[in-house]
């Protein structure tokens, strides 16, 4: 018997219908989105949010995000994974195999449990 699990992949049509209904409701109440978006107050608010976002990113978030991306993800995860894939492609042992061989080296005594 096949179990049904919702995957969350059926939302595009729902969102399109929701947006169309929202536009119809706004039109019914007399809102003109073009005038609203082009209003000086709206433009000033978007400019303020954009400049504040850039300032927060540059002042507070760029260094930690760069550290997480470069030093953690790239150096500790991505590069070793690519190296292991290259080793597997060439028929060489991977880092996991090398670590296991070092741990279970026949010349050294068995690990104590």
PDB file of N, CA and C in Angstrom:
ATOM      1  N   UNK A   1       0.842  -1.171   0.000  1.00  0.00           N
ATOM      2  CA  UNK A   1       0.000   0.000   0.000  1.00  0.00           C
ATOM      3  C   UNK A   1       0.890   1.239   0.000  1.00  0.00           C
ATOM      4  N   UNK A   2       0.601   2.150  -0.873  1.00  0.00           N
ATOM      5  CA  UNK A   2       1.410   3.357  -1.006  1.00  0.00           C
ATOM      6  C   UNK A   2       0.958   4.407   0.003  1.00  0.00           C
ATOM      7  N   UNK A   3       1.924   4.908   0.773  1.00  0.00           N
ATOM      8  CA  UNK A   3       1.616   5.968   1.730  1.00  0.00           C
ATOM      9  C   UNK A   3       1.702   7.303   1.024  1.00  0.00           C
ATOM     10  N   UNK A   4       0.733   8.167   1.256  1.00  0.00           N
ATOM     11  CA  UNK A   4       0.734   9.486   0.646  1.00  0.00           C
ATOM     12  C   UNK A   4       1.366  10.482   1.605  1.00  0.00           C
ATOM     13  N   UNK A   5       2.371  11.156   1.121  1.00  0.00           N
ATOM     14  CA  UNK A   5       3.006  12.215   1.895  1.00  0.00           C
ATOM     15  C   UNK A   5       2.984  13.487   1.068  1.00  0.00           C
ATOM     16  N   UNK A   6       2.461  14.558   1.609  1.00  0.00           N
ATOM     17  CA  UNK A   6       2.491  15.805   0.842  1.00  0.00           C
ATOM     18  C   UNK A   6       3.931  16.290   0.705  1.00  0.00           C
ATOM     19  N   UNK A   7       4.295  16.691  -0.507  1.00  0.00           N
ATOM     20  CA  UNK A   7       5.666  17.111  -0.768  1.00  0.00           C
ATOM     21  C   UNK A   7       5.825  18.618  -0.816  1.00  0.00           C
ATOM     22  N   UNK A   8       4.741  19.353  -0.833  1.00  0.00           N
ATOM     23  CA  UNK A   8       4.849  20.800  -0.907  1.00  0.00           C
ATOM     24  C   UNK A   8       5.126  21.303  -2.302  1.00  0.00           C
ATOM     25  N   UNK A   9       4.994  20.470  -3.304  1.00  0.00           N
ATOM     26  CA  UNK A   9       5.298  20.859  -4.673  1.00  0.00           C
ATOM     27  C   UNK A   9       4.047  21.260  -5.451  1.00  0.00           C
ATOM     28  N   UNK A  10       2.920  21.441  -4.791  1.00  0.00           N
ATOM     29  CA  UNK A  10       1.672  21.726  -5.485  1.00  0.00           C
ATOM     30  C   UNK A  10       1.180  23.129  -5.177  1.00  0.00           C
ATOM     31  N   UNK A  11       2.065  24.069  -4.915  1.00  0.00           N
ATOM     32  CA  UNK A  11       1.632  25.378  -4.481  1.00  0.00           C
ATOM     33  C   UNK A  11       1.665  26.458  -5.528  1.00  0.00           C
ATOM     34  N   UNK A  12       2.221  26.221  -6.708  1.00  0.00           N
ATOM     35  CA  UNK A  12       2.372  27.277  -7.699  1.00  0.00           C
ATOM     36  C   UNK A  12       1.027  27.775  -8.200  1.00  0.00           C
ATOM     37  N   UNK A  13       0.142  26.890  -8.575  1.00  0.00           N
ATOM     38  CA  UNK A  13      -1.174  27.282  -9.072  1.00  0.00           C
ATOM     39  C   UNK A  13      -1.956  27.995  -7.972  1.00  0.00           C
ATOM     40  N   UNK A  14      -1.822  27.504  -6.745  1.00  0.00           N
ATOM     41  CA  UNK A  14      -2.514  28.114  -5.610  1.00  0.00           C
ATOM     42  C   UNK A  14      -2.050  29.562  -5.424  1.00  0.00           C
ATOM     43  N   UNK A  15      -0.733  29.796  -5.522  1.00  0.00           N
ATOM     44  CA  UNK A  15      -0.199  31.152  -5.365  1.00  0.00           C
ATOM     45  C   UNK A  15      -0.653  32.061  -6.495  1.00  0.00           C
ATOM     46  N   UNK A  16      -0.684  31.555  -7.714  1.00  0.00           N
ATOM     47  CA  UNK A  16      -1.129  32.374  -8.849  1.00  0.00           C
ATOM     48  C   UNK A  16      -2.592  32.779  -8.653  1.00  0.00           C
ATOM     49  N   UNK A  17      -3.427  31.841  -8.260  1.00  0.00           N
ATOM     50  CA  UNK A  17      -4.840  32.146  -8.024  1.00  0.00           C
ATOM     51  C   UNK A  17      -4.983  33.146  -6.882  1.00  0.00           C
ATOM     52  N   UNK A  18      -4.214  32.970  -5.812  1.00  0.00           N
ATOM     53  CA  UNK A  18      -4.265  33.884  -4.675  1.00  0.00           C
ATOM     54  C   UNK A  18      -3.868  35.303  -5.075  1.00  0.00           C
ATOM     55  N   UNK A  19      -2.827  35.443  -5.890  1.00  0.00           N
ATOM     56  CA  UNK A  19      -2.387  36.766  -6.342  1.00  0.00           C
ATOM     57  C   UNK A  19      -3.445  37.414  -7.230  1.00  0.00           C
ATOM     58  N   UNK A  20      -4.039  36.643  -8.137  1.00  0.00           N
ATOM     59  CA  UNK A  20      -5.093  37.185  -9.004  1.00  0.00           C
ATOM     60  C   UNK A  20      -6.278  37.652  -8.176  1.00  0.00           C
ATOM     61  N   UNK A  21      -6.696  36.854  -7.185  1.00  0.00           N
ATOM     62  CA  UNK A  21      -7.820  37.245  -6.324  1.00  0.00           C
ATOM     63  C   UNK A  21      -7.474  38.506  -5.533  1.00  0.00           C
ATOM     64  N   UNK A  22      -6.243  38.593  -5.014  1.00  0.00           N
ATOM     65  CA  UNK A  22      -5.826  39.783  -4.264  1.00  0.00           C
ATOM     66  C   UNK A  22      -5.848  41.018  -5.165  1.00  0.00           C
ATOM     67  N   UNK A  23      -5.392  40.892  -6.416  1.00  0.00           N
ATOM     68  CA  UNK A  23      -5.430  42.027  -7.344  1.00  0.00           C
ATOM     69  C   UNK A  23      -6.860  42.433  -7.657  1.00  0.00           C
ATOM     70  N   UNK A  24      -7.745  41.472  -7.798  1.00  0.00           N
ATOM     71  CA  UNK A  24      -9.148  41.789  -8.045  1.00  0.00           C
ATOM     72  C   UNK A  24      -9.773  42.516  -6.855  1.00  0.00           C
ATOM     73  N   UNK A  25      -9.457  42.086  -5.651  1.00  0.00           N
ATOM     74  CA  UNK A  25      -9.990  42.742  -4.453  1.00  0.00           C
ATOM     75  C   UNK A  25      -9.465  44.173  -4.353  1.00  0.00           C
ATOM     76  N   UNK A  26      -8.152  44.354  -4.599  1.00  0.00           N
ATOM     77  CA  UNK A  26      -7.586  45.708  -4.565  1.00  0.00           C
ATOM     78  C   UNK A  26      -8.227  46.598  -5.629  1.00  0.00           C
ATOM     79  N   UNK A  27      -8.456  46.066  -6.804  1.00  0.00           N
ATOM     80  CA  UNK A  27      -9.097  46.833  -7.873  1.00  0.00           C
ATOM     81  C   UNK A  27     -10.525  47.196  -7.497  1.00  0.00           C
ATOM     82  N   UNK A  28     -11.233  46.293  -6.867  1.00  0.00           N
ATOM     83  CA  UNK A  28     -12.606  46.548  -6.468  1.00  0.00           C
ATOM     84  C   UNK A  28     -12.684  47.722  -5.484  1.00  0.00           C
ATOM     85  N   UNK A  29     -11.715  47.800  -4.566  1.00  0.00           N
ATOM     86  CA  UNK A  29     -11.717  48.889  -3.592  1.00  0.00           C
ATOM     87  C   UNK A  29     -11.038  50.154  -4.104  1.00  0.00           C
ATOM     88  N   UNK A  30     -10.617  50.174  -5.359  1.00  0.00           N
ATOM     89  CA  UNK A  30     -10.112  51.393  -5.974  1.00  0.00           C
ATOM     90  C   UNK A  30      -8.634  51.668  -5.783  1.00  0.00           C
ATOM     91  N   UNK A  31      -7.860  50.685  -5.411  1.00  0.00           N
ATOM     92  CA  UNK A  31      -6.421  50.895  -5.271  1.00  0.00           C
ATOM     93  C   UNK A  31      -5.756  50.781  -6.641  1.00  0.00           C
ATOM     94  N   UNK A  32      -4.911  51.759  -6.950  1.00  0.00           N
ATOM     95  CA  UNK A  32      -4.146  51.730  -8.185  1.00  0.00           C
ATOM     96  C   UNK A  32      -2.701  51.415  -7.808  1.00  0.00           C
ATOM     97  N   UNK A  33      -2.257  50.225  -8.118  1.00  0.00           N
ATOM     98  CA  UNK A  33      -0.903  49.800  -7.715  1.00  0.00           C
ATOM     99  C   UNK A  33       0.184  50.627  -8.383  1.00  0.00           C
ATOM    100  N   UNK A  34      -0.026  51.042  -9.622  1.00  0.00           N
ATOM    101  CA  UNK A  34       0.985  51.846 -10.319  1.00  0.00           C
ATOM    102  C   UNK A  34       1.203  53.164  -9.595  1.00  0.00           C
ATOM    103  N   UNK A  35       0.117  53.841  -9.214  1.00  0.00           N
ATOM    104  CA  UNK A  35       0.266  55.101  -8.477  1.00  0.00           C
ATOM    105  C   UNK A  35       0.865  54.864  -7.102  1.00  0.00           C
ATOM    106  N   UNK A  36       0.487  53.763  -6.488  1.00  0.00           N
ATOM    107  CA  UNK A  36       1.024  53.449  -5.162  1.00  0.00           C
ATOM    108  C   UNK A  36       2.531  53.198  -5.217  1.00  0.00           C
ATOM    109  N   UNK A  37       2.980  52.433  -6.206  1.00  0.00           N
ATOM    110  CA  UNK A  37       4.406  52.116  -6.321  1.00  0.00           C
ATOM    111  C   UNK A  37       5.218  53.340  -6.737  1.00  0.00           C
ATOM    112  N   UNK A  38       4.654  54.187  -7.583  1.00  0.00           N
ATOM    113  CA  UNK A  38       5.390  55.355  -8.070  1.00  0.00           C
ATOM    114  C   UNK A  38       5.288  56.562  -7.149  1.00  0.00           C
ATOM    115  N   UNK A  39       4.557  56.456  -6.059  1.00  0.00           N
ATOM    116  CA  UNK A  39       4.421  57.575  -5.126  1.00  0.00           C
ATOM    117  C   UNK A  39       5.767  57.892  -4.485  1.00  0.00           C
ATOM    118  N   UNK A  40       6.061  59.178  -4.281  1.00  0.00           N
ATOM    119  CA  UNK A  40       7.350  59.556  -3.679  1.00  0.00           C
ATOM    120  C   UNK A  40       7.575  58.941  -2.298  1.00  0.00           C
ATOM    121  N   UNK A  41       6.531  58.828  -1.504  1.00  0.00           N
ATOM    122  CA  UNK A  41       6.681  58.241  -0.167  1.00  0.00           C
ATOM    123  C   UNK A  41       7.091  56.774  -0.272  1.00  0.00           C
ATOM    124  N   UNK A  42       6.470  56.038  -1.191  1.00  0.00           N
ATOM    125  CA  UNK A  42       6.814  54.632  -1.374  1.00  0.00           C
ATOM    126  C   UNK A  42       8.246  54.493  -1.864  1.00  0.00           C
ATOM    127  N   UNK A  43       8.639  55.317  -2.816  1.00  0.00           N
ATOM    128  CA  UNK A  43      10.010  55.280  -3.317  1.00  0.00           C
ATOM    129  C   UNK A  43      11.016  55.601  -2.218  1.00  0.00           C
ATOM    130  N   UNK A  44      10.690  56.591  -1.380  1.00  0.00           N
ATOM    131  CA  UNK A  44      11.572  56.957  -0.274  1.00  0.00           C
ATOM    132  C   UNK A  44      11.683  55.807   0.737  1.00  0.00           C
ATOM    133  N   UNK A  45      10.563  55.146   1.019  1.00  0.00           N
ATOM    134  CA  UNK A  45      10.592  54.018   1.958  1.00  0.00           C
ATOM    135  C   UNK A  45      11.420  52.865   1.411  1.00  0.00           C
ATOM    136  N   UNK A  46      11.246  52.524   0.132  1.00  0.00           N
ATOM    137  CA  UNK A  46      12.054  51.457  -0.468  1.00  0.00           C
ATOM    138  C   UNK A  46      13.541  51.826  -0.475  1.00  0.00           C
ATOM    139  N   UNK A  47      13.850  53.082  -0.746  1.00  0.00           N
ATOM    140  CA  UNK A  47      15.245  53.530  -0.709  1.00  0.00           C
ATOM    141  C   UNK A  47      15.846  53.408   0.675  1.00  0.00           C
ATOM    142  N   UNK A  48      15.067  53.777   1.684  1.00  0.00           N
ATOM    143  CA  UNK A  48      15.532  53.668   3.066  1.00  0.00           C
ATOM    144  C   UNK A  48      15.787  52.209   3.450  1.00  0.00           C
ATOM    145  N   UNK A  49      14.847  51.329   3.116  1.00  0.00           N
ATOM    146  CA  UNK A  49      15.005  49.912   3.441  1.00  0.00           C
ATOM    147  C   UNK A  49      16.217  49.333   2.718  1.00  0.00           C
ATOM    148  N   UNK A  50      16.404  49.695   1.454  1.00  0.00           N
ATOM    149  CA  UNK A  50      17.544  49.183   0.689  1.00  0.00           C
ATOM    150  C   UNK A  50      18.861  49.659   1.282  1.00  0.00           C
ATOM    151  N   UNK A  51      18.964  50.945   1.600  1.00  0.00           N
ATOM    152  CA  UNK A  51      20.229  51.455   2.146  1.00  0.00           C
ATOM    153  C   UNK A  51      20.499  50.882   3.538  1.00  0.00           C
ATOM    154  N   UNK A  52      19.454  50.704   4.351  1.00  0.00           N
ATOM    155  CA  UNK A  52      19.641  50.113   5.672  1.00  0.00           C
ATOM    156  C   UNK A  52      20.081  48.661   5.563  1.00  0.00           C
ATOM    157  N   UNK A  53      19.494  47.931   4.612  1.00  0.00           N
ATOM    158  CA  UNK A  53      19.883  46.536   4.408  1.00  0.00           C
ATOM    159  C   UNK A  53      21.342  46.435   3.996  1.00  0.00           C
ATOM    160  N   UNK A  54      21.768  47.282   3.085  1.00  0.00           N
ATOM    161  CA  UNK A  54      23.174  47.262   2.641  1.00  0.00           C
ATOM    162  C   UNK A  54      24.098  47.616   3.797  1.00  0.00           C
ATOM    163  N   UNK A  55      23.722  48.608   4.592  1.00  0.00           N
ATOM    164  CA  UNK A  55      24.554  48.998   5.733  1.00  0.00           C
ATOM    165  C   UNK A  55      24.668  47.872   6.751  1.00  0.00           C
ATOM    166  N   UNK A  56      23.552  47.230   7.073  1.00  0.00           N
ATOM    167  CA  UNK A  56      23.576  46.119   8.036  1.00  0.00           C
ATOM    168  C   UNK A  56      24.422  44.972   7.498  1.00  0.00           C
ATOM    169  N   UNK A  57      24.271  44.668   6.204  1.00  0.00           N
ATOM    170  CA  UNK A  57      25.065  43.588   5.610  1.00  0.00           C
ATOM    171  C   UNK A  57      26.551  43.911   5.694  1.00  0.00           C
ATOM    172  N   UNK A  58      26.935  45.108   5.239  1.00  0.00           N
ATOM    173  CA  UNK A  58      28.352  45.472   5.211  1.00  0.00           C
ATOM    174  C   UNK A  58      28.948  45.628   6.602  1.00  0.00           C
ATOM    175  N   UNK A  59      28.171  46.134   7.555  1.00  0.00           N
ATOM    176  CA  UNK A  59      28.703  46.409   8.890  1.00  0.00           C
ATOM    177  C   UNK A  59      28.709  45.190   9.806  1.00  0.00           C
ATOM    178  N   UNK A  60      27.688  44.337   9.693  1.00  0.00           N
ATOM    179  CA  UNK A  60      27.533  43.278  10.678  1.00  0.00           C
ATOM    180  C   UNK A  60      27.552  41.855  10.122  1.00  0.00           C
ATOM    181  N   UNK A  61      27.012  41.643   8.940  1.00  0.00           N
ATOM    182  CA  UNK A  61      26.794  40.277   8.477  1.00  0.00           C
ATOM    183  C   UNK A  61      27.811  39.770   7.460  1.00  0.00           C
ATOM    184  N   UNK A  62      28.527  40.633   6.783  1.00  0.00           N
ATOM    185  CA  UNK A  62      29.431  40.195   5.711  1.00  0.00           C
ATOM    186  C   UNK A  62      30.574  39.326   6.248  1.00  0.00           C
ATOM    187  N   UNK A  63      31.197  39.739   7.342  1.00  0.00           N
ATOM    188  CA  UNK A  63      32.318  38.956   7.885  1.00  0.00           C
ATOM    189  C   UNK A  63      31.880  37.583   8.383  1.00  0.00           C
ATOM    190  N   UNK A  64      30.838  37.488   9.228  1.00  0.00           N
ATOM    191  CA  UNK A  64      30.425  36.142   9.662  1.00  0.00           C
ATOM    192  C   UNK A  64      29.955  35.266   8.501  1.00  0.00           C
ATOM    193  N   UNK A  65      29.240  35.841   7.550  1.00  0.00           N
ATOM    194  CA  UNK A  65      28.771  35.043   6.414  1.00  0.00           C
ATOM    195  C   UNK A  65      29.954  34.588   5.555  1.00  0.00           C
ATOM    196  N   UNK A  66      30.929  35.448   5.370  1.00  0.00           N
ATOM    197  CA  UNK A  66      32.129  35.066   4.623  1.00  0.00           C
ATOM    198  C   UNK A  66      32.907  33.976   5.334  1.00  0.00           C
ATOM    199  N   UNK A  67      33.016  34.088   6.651  1.00  0.00           N
ATOM    200  CA  UNK A  67      33.695  33.050   7.423  1.00  0.00           C
ATOM    201  C   UNK A  67      32.974  31.715   7.294  1.00  0.00           C
ATOM    202  N   UNK A  68      31.640  31.735   7.472  1.00  0.00           N
ATOM    203  CA  UNK A  68      30.876  30.494   7.361  1.00  0.00           C
ATOM    204  C   UNK A  68      30.987  29.892   5.964  1.00  0.00           C
ATOM    205  N   UNK A  69      30.942  30.741   4.940  1.00  0.00           N
ATOM    206  CA  UNK A  69      30.984  30.235   3.572  1.00  0.00           C
ATOM    207  C   UNK A  69      32.376  29.722   3.219  1.00  0.00           C
ATOM    208  N   UNK A  70      33.392  30.558   3.391  1.00  0.00           N
ATOM    209  CA  UNK A  70      34.738  30.196   2.939  1.00  0.00           C
ATOM    210  C   UNK A  70      35.432  29.213   3.868  1.00  0.00           C
ATOM    211  N   UNK A  71      35.508  29.558   5.148  1.00  0.00           N
ATOM    212  CA  UNK A  71      36.305  28.762   6.072  1.00  0.00           C
ATOM    213  C   UNK A  71      35.604  27.478   6.516  1.00  0.00           C
ATOM    214  N   UNK A  72      34.299  27.520   6.657  1.00  0.00           N
ATOM    215  CA  UNK A  72      33.590  26.330   7.125  1.00  0.00           C
ATOM    216  C   UNK A  72      33.113  25.492   5.940  1.00  0.00           C
ATOM    217  N   UNK A  73      32.259  26.057   5.104  1.00  0.00           N
ATOM    218  CA  UNK A  73      31.647  25.259   4.042  1.00  0.00           C
ATOM    219  C   UNK A  73      32.655  24.856   2.970  1.00  0.00           C
ATOM    220  N   UNK A  74      33.362  25.813   2.395  1.00  0.00           N
ATOM    221  CA  UNK A  74      34.270  25.505   1.279  1.00  0.00           C
ATOM    222  C   UNK A  74      35.438  24.651   1.748  1.00  0.00           C
ATOM    223  N   UNK A  75      36.136  25.082   2.793  1.00  0.00           N
ATOM    224  CA  UNK A  75      37.352  24.384   3.212  1.00  0.00           C
ATOM    225  C   UNK A  75      37.090  23.053   3.913  1.00  0.00           C
ATOM    226  N   UNK A  76      36.030  22.967   4.695  1.00  0.00           N
ATOM    227  CA  UNK A  76      35.800  21.750   5.472  1.00  0.00           C
ATOM    228  C   UNK A  76      34.815  20.775   4.835  1.00  0.00           C
ATOM    229  N   UNK A  77      33.963  21.251   3.928  1.00  0.00           N
ATOM    230  CA  UNK A  77      32.952  20.368   3.345  1.00  0.00           C
ATOM    231  C   UNK A  77      33.130  20.217   1.839  1.00  0.00           C
ATOM    232  N   UNK A  78      33.125  21.316   1.105  1.00  0.00           N
ATOM    233  CA  UNK A  78      33.104  21.262  -0.350  1.00  0.00           C
ATOM    234  C   UNK A  78      34.395  20.689  -0.931  1.00  0.00           C
ATOM    235  N   UNK A  79      35.540  21.277  -0.578  1.00  0.00           N
ATOM    236  CA  UNK A  79      36.811  20.821  -1.140  1.00  0.00           C
ATOM    237  C   UNK A  79      37.111  19.352  -0.796  1.00  0.00           C
ATOM    238  N   UNK A  80      36.933  18.918   0.466  1.00  0.00           N
ATOM    239  CA  UNK A  80      37.157  17.490   0.738  1.00  0.00           C
ATOM    240  C   UNK A  80      36.190  16.577  -0.019  1.00  0.00           C
ATOM    241  N   UNK A  81      34.949  17.006  -0.179  1.00  0.00           N
ATOM    242  CA  UNK A  81      33.990  16.185  -0.918  1.00  0.00           C
ATOM    243  C   UNK A  81      34.421  16.047  -2.374  1.00  0.00           C
ATOM    244  N   UNK A  82      34.840  17.149  -2.987  1.00  0.00           N
ATOM    245  CA  UNK A  82      35.306  17.075  -4.372  1.00  0.00           C
ATOM    246  C   UNK A  82      36.560  16.212  -4.491  1.00  0.00           C
ATOM    247  N   UNK A  83      37.460  16.335  -3.528  1.00  0.00           N
ATOM    248  CA  UNK A  83      38.675  15.519  -3.550  1.00  0.00           C
ATOM    249  C   UNK A  83      38.337  14.037  -3.428  1.00  0.00           C
ATOM    250  N   UNK A  84      37.397  13.705  -2.547  1.00  0.00           N
ATOM    251  CA  UNK A  84      36.980  12.305  -2.405  1.00  0.00           C
ATOM    252  C   UNK A  84      36.320  11.790  -3.673  1.00  0.00           C
ATOM    253  N   UNK A  85      35.525  12.627  -4.332  1.00  0.00           N
ATOM    254  CA  UNK A  85      34.908  12.217  -5.598  1.00  0.00           C
ATOM    255  C   UNK A  85      35.970  11.974  -6.670  1.00  0.00           C
ATOM    256  N   UNK A  86      36.969  12.838  -6.723  1.00  0.00           N
ATOM    257  CA  UNK A  86      38.065  12.642  -7.676  1.00  0.00           C
ATOM    258  C   UNK A  86      38.820  11.351  -7.361  1.00  0.00           C
ATOM    259  N   UNK A  87      39.069  11.099  -6.081  1.00  0.00           N
ATOM    260  CA  UNK A  87      39.755   9.868  -5.690  1.00  0.00           C
ATOM    261  C   UNK A  87      38.941   8.642  -6.086  1.00  0.00           C
ATOM    262  N   UNK A  88      37.626   8.685  -5.867  1.00  0.00           N
ATOM    263  CA  UNK A  88      36.772   7.564  -6.247  1.00  0.00           C
ATOM    264  C   UNK A  88      36.781   7.367  -7.760  1.00  0.00           C
ATOM    265  N   UNK A  89      36.780   8.460  -8.505  1.00  0.00           N
ATOM    266  CA  UNK A  89      36.791   8.384  -9.964  1.00  0.00           C
ATOM    267  C   UNK A  89      38.076   7.742 -10.474  1.00  0.00           C
ATOM    268  N   UNK A  90      39.174   8.056  -9.809  1.00  0.00           N
ATOM    269  CA  UNK A  90      40.474   7.521 -10.216  1.00  0.00           C
ATOM    270  C   UNK A  90      40.777   6.166  -9.587  1.00  0.00           C
ATOM    271  N   UNK A  91      39.890   5.663  -8.743  1.00  0.00           N
ATOM    272  CA  UNK A  91      40.098   4.367  -8.110  1.00  0.00           C
ATOM    273  C   UNK A  91      41.030   4.419  -6.906  1.00  0.00           C
ATOM    274  N   UNK A  92      41.302   5.605  -6.409  1.00  0.00           N
ATOM    275  CA  UNK A  92      42.155   5.761  -5.225  1.00  0.00           C
ATOM    276  C   UNK A  92      41.293   5.685  -3.969  1.00  0.00           C
ATOM    277  N   UNK A  93      41.908   5.395  -2.831  1.00  0.00           N
ATOM    278  CA  UNK A  93      41.126   5.378  -1.589  1.00  0.00           C
ATOM    279  C   UNK A  93      40.710   6.791  -1.186  1.00  0.00           C
ATOM    280  N   UNK A  94      39.555   6.892  -0.570  1.00  0.00           N
ATOM    281  CA  UNK A  94      39.060   8.189  -0.108  1.00  0.00           C
ATOM    282  C   UNK A  94      39.664   8.527   1.252  1.00  0.00           C
ATOM    283  N   UNK A  95      39.367   9.722   1.736  1.00  0.00           N
ATOM    284  CA  UNK A  95      39.867  10.128   3.052  1.00  0.00           C
ATOM    285  C   UNK A  95      39.333   9.216   4.150  1.00  0.00           C
ATOM    286  N   UNK A  96      38.110   8.747   3.990  1.00  0.00           N
ATOM    287  CA  UNK A  96      37.528   7.842   4.995  1.00  0.00           C
ATOM    288  C   UNK A  96      38.278   6.515   4.987  1.00  0.00           C
ATOM    289  N   UNK A  97      38.597   6.016   3.805  1.00  0.00           N
ATOM    290  CA  UNK A  97      39.371   4.770   3.719  1.00  0.00           C
ATOM    291  C   UNK A  97      40.755   4.953   4.327  1.00  0.00           C
ATOM    292  N   UNK A  98      41.389   6.087   4.023  1.00  0.00           N
ATOM    293  CA  UNK A  98      42.718   6.352   4.571  1.00  0.00           C
ATOM    294  C   UNK A  98      42.670   6.448   6.091  1.00  0.00           C
ATOM    295  N   UNK A  99      41.652   7.097   6.624  1.00  0.00           N
ATOM    296  CA  UNK A  99      41.536   7.216   8.078  1.00  0.00           C
ATOM    297  C   UNK A  99      41.305   5.845   8.700  1.00  0.00           C
ATOM    298  N   UNK A 100      40.493   5.016   8.067  1.00  0.00           N
ATOM    299  CA  UNK A 100      40.261   3.667   8.583  1.00  0.00           C
ATOM    300  C   UNK A 100      41.517   2.829   8.533  1.00  0.00           C
ATOM    301  N   UNK A 101      42.294   2.957   7.455  1.00  0.00           N
ATOM    302  CA  UNK A 101      43.537   2.195   7.345  1.00  0.00           C
ATOM    303  C   UNK A 101      44.537   2.623   8.411  1.00  0.00           C
ATOM    304  N   UNK A 102      44.578   3.924   8.728  1.00  0.00           N
ATOM    305  CA  UNK A 102      45.489   4.389   9.764  1.00  0.00           C
ATOM    306  C   UNK A 102      45.045   3.870  11.130  1.00  0.00           C
ATOM    307  N   UNK A 103      43.752   3.838  11.367  1.00  0.00           N
ATOM    308  CA  UNK A 103      43.245   3.410  12.671  1.00  0.00           C
ATOM    309  C   UNK A 103      43.417   1.910  12.869  1.00  0.00           C
ATOM    310  N   UNK A 104      43.169   1.155  11.822  1.00  0.00           N
ATOM    311  CA  UNK A 104      43.248  -0.292  11.915  1.00  0.00           C
ATOM    312  C   UNK A 104      44.512  -0.825  11.255  1.00  0.00           C
ATOM    313  N   UNK A 105      45.598  -0.121  11.395  1.00  0.00           N
ATOM    314  CA  UNK A 105      46.878  -0.542  10.828  1.00  0.00           C
ATOM    315  C   UNK A 105      47.279  -1.867  11.504  1.00  0.00           C
ATOM    316  N   UNK A 106      47.672  -2.838  10.724  1.00  0.00           N
ATOM    317  CA  UNK A 106      47.994  -4.162  11.270  1.00  0.00           C
ATOM    318  C   UNK A 106      49.284  -4.156  12.072  1.00  0.00           C
ATOM    319  N   UNK A 107      50.139  -3.156  11.897  1.00  0.00           N
ATOM    320  CA  UNK A 107      51.395  -3.113  12.646  1.00  0.00           C
ATOM    321  C   UNK A 107      51.208  -2.560  14.053  1.00  0.00           C
ATOM    322  N   UNK A 108      50.080  -1.920  14.312  1.00  0.00           N
ATOM    323  CA  UNK A 108      49.857  -1.348  15.629  1.00  0.00           C
ATOM    324  C   UNK A 108      48.918  -2.256  16.424  1.00  0.00           C
ATOM    325  N   UNK A 109      48.958  -2.162  17.744  1.00  0.00           N
ATOM    326  CA  UNK A 109      48.071  -3.001  18.549  1.00  0.00           C
ATOM    327  C   UNK A 109      46.603  -2.630  18.295  1.00  0.00           C
ATOM    328  N   UNK A 110      45.730  -3.580  18.554  1.00  0.00           N
ATOM    329  CA  UNK A 110      44.294  -3.370  18.355  1.00  0.00           C
ATOM    330  C   UNK A 110      43.799  -2.299  19.312  1.00  0.00           C
ATOM    331  N   UNK A 111      42.825  -1.500  18.881  1.00  0.00           N
ATOM    332  CA  UNK A 111      42.311  -0.460  19.790  1.00  0.00           C
ATOM    333  C   UNK A 111      41.641  -1.075  21.002  1.00  0.00           C
ATOM    334  N   UNK A 112      41.792  -0.409  22.127  1.00  0.00           N
ATOM    335  CA  UNK A 112      41.213  -0.884  23.379  1.00  0.00           C
ATOM    336  C   UNK A 112      39.781  -0.432  23.448  1.00  0.00           C
ATOM    337  N   UNK A 113      38.893  -1.335  23.848  1.00  0.00           N
ATOM    338  CA  UNK A 113      37.476  -0.996  23.948  1.00  0.00           C
ATOM    339  C   UNK A 113      37.119  -0.608  25.342  1.00  0.00           C
TER     340      UNK A 113
END
